[in-house]
């Protein structure tokens, strides 16, 4: 996946997480924030190792 596509995916997960947090869906927002953080860390480690 290119850098642009992965940045868009992480950004969308973060924005949807904020929207679900505002609407009161705390479990969904927690899952989205955690998914964005984990995915971002995986991508950064892959860049550092290459």
N, C-alpha and C. Protein backbone atom coordinates (compact mmCIF):
# COMPACT_ATOMS: atom_id res chain seq x y z
N UNK A 1 0.85 -1.17 0.00
CA UNK A 1 0.00 0.00 0.00
C UNK A 1 0.90 1.24 0.00
N UNK A 2 0.56 2.19 -0.84
CA UNK A 2 1.39 3.39 -0.92
C UNK A 2 1.21 4.26 0.32
N UNK A 3 2.15 5.18 0.50
CA UNK A 3 2.10 6.06 1.67
C UNK A 3 0.83 6.90 1.68
N UNK A 4 0.43 7.38 0.51
CA UNK A 4 -0.76 8.23 0.44
C UNK A 4 -2.01 7.46 0.85
N UNK A 5 -2.15 6.23 0.36
CA UNK A 5 -3.33 5.43 0.71
C UNK A 5 -3.35 5.07 2.19
N UNK A 6 -2.20 4.75 2.74
CA UNK A 6 -2.17 4.40 4.16
C UNK A 6 -2.44 5.63 5.02
N UNK A 7 -1.95 6.80 4.60
CA UNK A 7 -2.24 8.03 5.35
C UNK A 7 -3.73 8.35 5.32
N UNK A 8 -4.37 8.13 4.19
CA UNK A 8 -5.82 8.37 4.08
C UNK A 8 -6.57 7.38 4.97
N UNK A 9 -6.15 6.13 4.99
CA UNK A 9 -6.82 5.12 5.83
C UNK A 9 -6.71 5.48 7.30
N UNK A 10 -5.53 5.85 7.75
CA UNK A 10 -5.34 6.22 9.16
C UNK A 10 -6.14 7.48 9.49
N UNK A 11 -6.13 8.46 8.59
CA UNK A 11 -6.90 9.68 8.81
C UNK A 11 -8.40 9.42 8.89
N UNK A 12 -8.91 8.56 8.02
CA UNK A 12 -10.34 8.24 8.06
C UNK A 12 -10.71 7.50 9.33
N UNK A 13 -9.85 6.58 9.76
CA UNK A 13 -10.13 5.87 11.01
C UNK A 13 -10.17 6.84 12.18
N UNK A 14 -9.26 7.82 12.19
CA UNK A 14 -9.23 8.80 13.27
C UNK A 14 -10.46 9.70 13.24
N UNK A 15 -10.86 10.17 12.06
CA UNK A 15 -12.02 11.06 11.95
C UNK A 15 -13.31 10.33 12.32
N UNK A 16 -13.46 9.09 11.86
CA UNK A 16 -14.65 8.31 12.22
C UNK A 16 -14.65 8.01 13.71
N UNK A 17 -13.47 7.80 14.30
CA UNK A 17 -13.38 7.60 15.74
C UNK A 17 -13.84 8.81 16.52
N UNK A 18 -13.47 10.00 16.05
CA UNK A 18 -13.93 11.23 16.71
C UNK A 18 -15.44 11.36 16.58
N UNK A 19 -15.96 11.08 15.40
CA UNK A 19 -17.42 11.16 15.21
C UNK A 19 -18.18 10.18 16.08
N UNK A 20 -17.66 8.97 16.20
CA UNK A 20 -18.36 8.00 17.03
C UNK A 20 -18.21 8.33 18.52
N UNK A 21 -17.11 8.96 18.90
CA UNK A 21 -16.95 9.39 20.30
C UNK A 21 -17.95 10.49 20.64
N UNK A 22 -18.14 11.43 19.73
CA UNK A 22 -19.08 12.53 19.95
C UNK A 22 -20.51 11.99 20.03
N UNK A 23 -20.83 10.98 19.22
CA UNK A 23 -22.20 10.46 19.22
C UNK A 23 -22.45 9.49 20.36
N UNK A 24 -21.44 9.18 21.16
CA UNK A 24 -21.65 8.36 22.34
C UNK A 24 -21.35 6.89 22.16
N UNK A 25 -20.80 6.50 21.03
CA UNK A 25 -20.45 5.10 20.80
C UNK A 25 -19.00 4.88 21.21
N UNK A 26 -18.80 4.75 22.52
CA UNK A 26 -17.45 4.74 23.07
C UNK A 26 -16.68 3.47 22.73
N UNK A 27 -17.36 2.35 22.62
CA UNK A 27 -16.67 1.10 22.29
C UNK A 27 -16.14 1.16 20.86
N UNK A 28 -16.95 1.63 19.93
CA UNK A 28 -16.54 1.74 18.53
C UNK A 28 -15.41 2.75 18.38
N UNK A 29 -15.49 3.87 19.09
CA UNK A 29 -14.44 4.87 18.97
C UNK A 29 -13.12 4.35 19.55
N UNK A 30 -13.19 3.58 20.63
CA UNK A 30 -11.99 3.00 21.20
C UNK A 30 -11.34 2.03 20.23
N UNK A 31 -12.14 1.21 19.59
CA UNK A 31 -11.61 0.26 18.61
C UNK A 31 -10.97 0.99 17.43
N UNK A 32 -11.60 2.05 16.95
CA UNK A 32 -11.05 2.79 15.82
C UNK A 32 -9.76 3.51 16.19
N UNK A 33 -9.72 4.15 17.35
CA UNK A 33 -8.49 4.82 17.78
C UNK A 33 -7.35 3.82 17.96
N UNK A 34 -7.64 2.68 18.57
CA UNK A 34 -6.61 1.66 18.77
C UNK A 34 -6.14 1.10 17.44
N UNK A 35 -7.06 0.86 16.53
CA UNK A 35 -6.69 0.36 15.21
C UNK A 35 -5.81 1.33 14.45
N UNK A 36 -6.13 2.61 14.52
CA UNK A 36 -5.32 3.62 13.84
C UNK A 36 -3.93 3.70 14.46
N UNK A 37 -3.84 3.62 15.77
CA UNK A 37 -2.54 3.70 16.44
C UNK A 37 -1.68 2.48 16.13
N UNK A 38 -2.27 1.31 16.19
CA UNK A 38 -1.51 0.09 15.92
C UNK A 38 -1.05 0.05 14.47
N UNK A 39 -1.94 0.38 13.55
CA UNK A 39 -1.60 0.37 12.12
C UNK A 39 -0.51 1.38 11.82
N UNK A 40 -0.59 2.55 12.44
CA UNK A 40 0.42 3.57 12.24
C UNK A 40 1.78 3.11 12.77
N UNK A 41 1.80 2.46 13.93
CA UNK A 41 3.05 1.96 14.50
C UNK A 41 3.65 0.86 13.63
N UNK A 42 2.82 0.00 13.08
CA UNK A 42 3.32 -1.06 12.21
C UNK A 42 3.97 -0.46 10.97
N UNK A 43 3.35 0.56 10.39
CA UNK A 43 3.92 1.19 9.20
C UNK A 43 5.23 1.91 9.52
N UNK A 44 5.30 2.58 10.66
CA UNK A 44 6.52 3.29 11.02
C UNK A 44 7.68 2.33 11.29
N UNK A 45 7.40 1.19 11.92
CA UNK A 45 8.46 0.21 12.18
C UNK A 45 8.96 -0.40 10.88
N UNK A 46 8.05 -0.61 9.93
CA UNK A 46 8.46 -1.16 8.63
C UNK A 46 9.35 -0.16 7.90
N UNK A 47 9.05 1.13 8.01
CA UNK A 47 9.88 2.15 7.36
C UNK A 47 11.25 2.23 8.02
N UNK A 48 11.30 2.10 9.34
CA UNK A 48 12.59 2.18 10.04
C UNK A 48 13.47 0.97 9.75
N UNK A 49 12.87 -0.19 9.59
CA UNK A 49 13.65 -1.40 9.35
C UNK A 49 14.13 -1.53 7.90
N UNK A 50 13.53 -0.80 7.01
CA UNK A 50 13.95 -0.92 5.60
C UNK A 50 14.94 0.13 5.19
